[in-house]
Each structure stands twice: as structure tokens, then as C-alpha cells.
Protein backbone atom coordinates (compact mmCIF):
# COMPACT_ATOMS: atom_id res chain seq x y z
CA MET A 1 4.96 -6.11 11.77
CA PRO A 2 2.00 -5.97 14.10
CA THR A 3 -0.07 -9.24 13.78
CA ASP A 4 -3.46 -8.02 14.35
CA ILE A 5 -3.52 -6.98 10.49
CA PRO A 6 -4.19 -9.36 7.67
CA ALA A 7 -1.48 -11.55 6.43
CA PRO A 8 -1.78 -9.48 2.55
CA VAL A 9 -1.28 -6.00 4.48
CA ALA A 10 1.39 -7.28 6.31
CA ASP A 11 3.63 -8.25 3.29
CA TYR A 12 2.19 -5.31 1.08
CA LEU A 13 4.03 -3.33 4.26
CA THR A 14 7.30 -5.06 4.60
CA ALA A 15 7.81 -5.06 0.59
CA LYS A 16 10.38 -2.20 -0.09
CA VAL A 17 10.15 0.25 -2.60
CA GLY A 18 12.12 -1.33 -5.39
CA ASP A 19 11.30 -4.66 -4.86
CA PRO A 20 9.82 -6.40 -7.77
CA VAL A 21 6.47 -4.83 -8.36
CA GLU A 22 5.48 -8.72 -8.54
CA ALA A 23 5.94 -8.91 -4.84
CA VAL A 24 3.46 -6.02 -4.02
CA LEU A 25 1.08 -7.17 -6.92
CA ARG A 26 0.60 -10.56 -5.54
CA ASN A 27 -0.91 -9.23 -2.65
CA PHE A 28 -4.03 -7.81 -4.33
CA ALA A 29 -7.06 -9.23 -6.15
CA ASP A 30 -7.12 -9.05 -9.72
CA ASP A 31 -10.27 -6.49 -9.87
CA ALA A 32 -8.65 -4.38 -6.73
CA VAL A 33 -8.67 -0.41 -6.90
CA VAL A 34 -5.87 1.67 -5.45
CA HIS A 35 -6.75 5.35 -4.82
CA ASP A 36 -3.52 7.23 -4.39
CA GLU A 37 -2.58 10.92 -4.84
CA GLY A 38 -6.50 11.58 -6.40
CA THR A 39 -6.15 8.73 -8.93
CA ASN A 40 -8.12 5.31 -9.01
CA HIS A 41 -5.65 2.40 -10.44
CA VAL A 42 -8.10 -0.18 -11.12
CA GLY A 43 -7.04 -3.99 -12.06
CA ALA A 44 -3.71 -5.61 -11.73
CA SER A 45 -2.03 -4.01 -14.87
CA ALA A 46 -3.13 -0.53 -13.76
CA ILE A 47 -1.85 -1.41 -9.90
CA ARG A 48 1.27 -2.61 -11.52
CA ASP A 49 1.92 0.38 -13.43
CA TRP A 50 1.11 2.61 -10.27
CA ALA A 51 3.97 0.32 -8.46
CA ALA A 52 6.50 0.84 -11.17
CA GLU A 53 5.93 4.22 -11.37
CA ILE A 54 6.29 4.91 -7.53
CA SER A 55 9.42 2.63 -7.37
CA ALA A 56 10.89 4.72 -10.54
CA ARG A 57 10.19 7.84 -9.16
CA TYR A 58 10.61 8.20 -5.46
CA GLN A 59 13.46 6.57 -3.12
CA LEU A 60 11.00 6.12 -0.56
CA GLU A 61 11.13 4.38 2.99
CA ARG A 62 7.86 3.45 4.90
CA THR A 63 7.64 3.03 8.87
CA VAL A 64 4.27 1.69 10.17
CA VAL A 65 3.60 4.18 12.94
CA GLU A 66 0.02 2.53 13.99
CA THR A 67 -2.16 -0.20 12.90
CA HIS A 68 -6.10 -0.65 13.53
CA ARG A 69 -8.26 -3.82 12.30
CA ILE A 70 -11.70 -3.57 11.99
CA GLY A 71 -13.07 -7.31 10.64
CA ALA A 72 -11.10 -8.02 7.48
CA ALA A 73 -10.28 -4.13 6.66
CA ALA A 74 -7.18 -2.35 8.22
CA VAL A 75 -5.94 1.48 9.01
CA VAL A 76 -2.66 1.79 8.67
CA LEU A 77 -0.49 4.69 9.58
CA VAL A 78 2.56 5.32 7.48
CA ARG A 79 5.39 7.35 8.09
CA VAL A 80 6.89 7.84 4.05
CA ALA A 81 9.88 9.56 3.68
CA GLY A 82 11.93 10.16 0.53
CA ASN A 83 12.49 12.63 -2.21
CA PHE A 84 9.28 14.48 -2.38
CA PRO A 85 8.71 17.73 -1.30
CA GLY A 86 7.64 17.98 2.34
CA SER A 87 9.09 14.22 3.38
CA PRO A 88 8.56 12.90 5.72
CA VAL A 89 4.54 12.37 5.75
CA ASP A 90 2.29 10.47 7.56
CA LEU A 91 -0.62 8.90 5.35
CA HIS A 92 -3.10 6.51 6.23
CA HIS A 93 -3.46 3.27 4.36
CA HIS A 94 -6.96 1.98 4.41
CA PHE A 95 -7.26 -1.84 3.32
CA THR A 96 -9.93 -3.66 2.29
CA VAL A 97 -9.04 -7.44 2.24
CA SER A 98 -11.55 -10.21 0.65
CA ASP A 99 -10.28 -13.91 0.26
CA ASP A 100 -6.60 -13.42 1.38
CA ARG A 101 -6.25 -10.27 -0.98
CA ILE A 102 -6.41 -6.63 -1.07
CA THR A 103 -9.33 -5.46 -3.06
CA ALA A 104 -8.79 -1.90 -1.70
CA LEU A 105 -6.40 0.68 -0.92
CA THR A 106 -6.68 4.49 -0.27
CA ILE A 107 -3.87 6.45 0.46
CA CYS A 108 -4.54 9.67 2.22
CA PRO A 109 -2.91 12.56 4.53
């Protein structure tokens, strides 16, 4: 994992889909927002549900292609492969970090 990105982002990206949801959730602030597939998931409970659903629905593998750090934020290009139409796809992950926690994550093509 590149060392130029904030630690909680690196930890999130190295967590495997299917790991305990808590392994992913520990990187997010309690009031964080995740925007994925056109939906906002706000707060720890909603992010837990989002992570659990993705883990159950898709058999994903992620490969980090490129990273950019902008202050406490990071933009990461991730190749995502799995059991979904059009696999694999390259998705941009835009992270905002504060107090060593992810406060916002937007995933887009």
C-alpha cells in the first residue's frame, strides 16, 4: 500500500471484502458519509449496513491502481472485480479524513 495516503484510508483499502464489517467500520467517523451507487449512507449504522450488503452481494477483489494525496484527503483509483455486470471496473474513491478517521467517501466511475 502506498505510504502517501492517510492511515485509515490505507487500512480501509487493505481490508478484504468479507472481512468482519467491523474491520472496515473502525476506519470511519461515527457521523461519516459514504456515497456509493447513487445513495448516501450516513452514520456508523448505515455504513455498517452498506458494508455488510456489499460483502454479501458481491465477491469483490480490489486492486489499488493509483493514489493521490491532497492534504488530509486522498483520491484512489481502484480496479474492482467481482460477480457483477461489466467486471472489472475502475472506480475513483474520494476520501476525506479528519482526526485519523474517514469522514466522507465518495465512490464514482
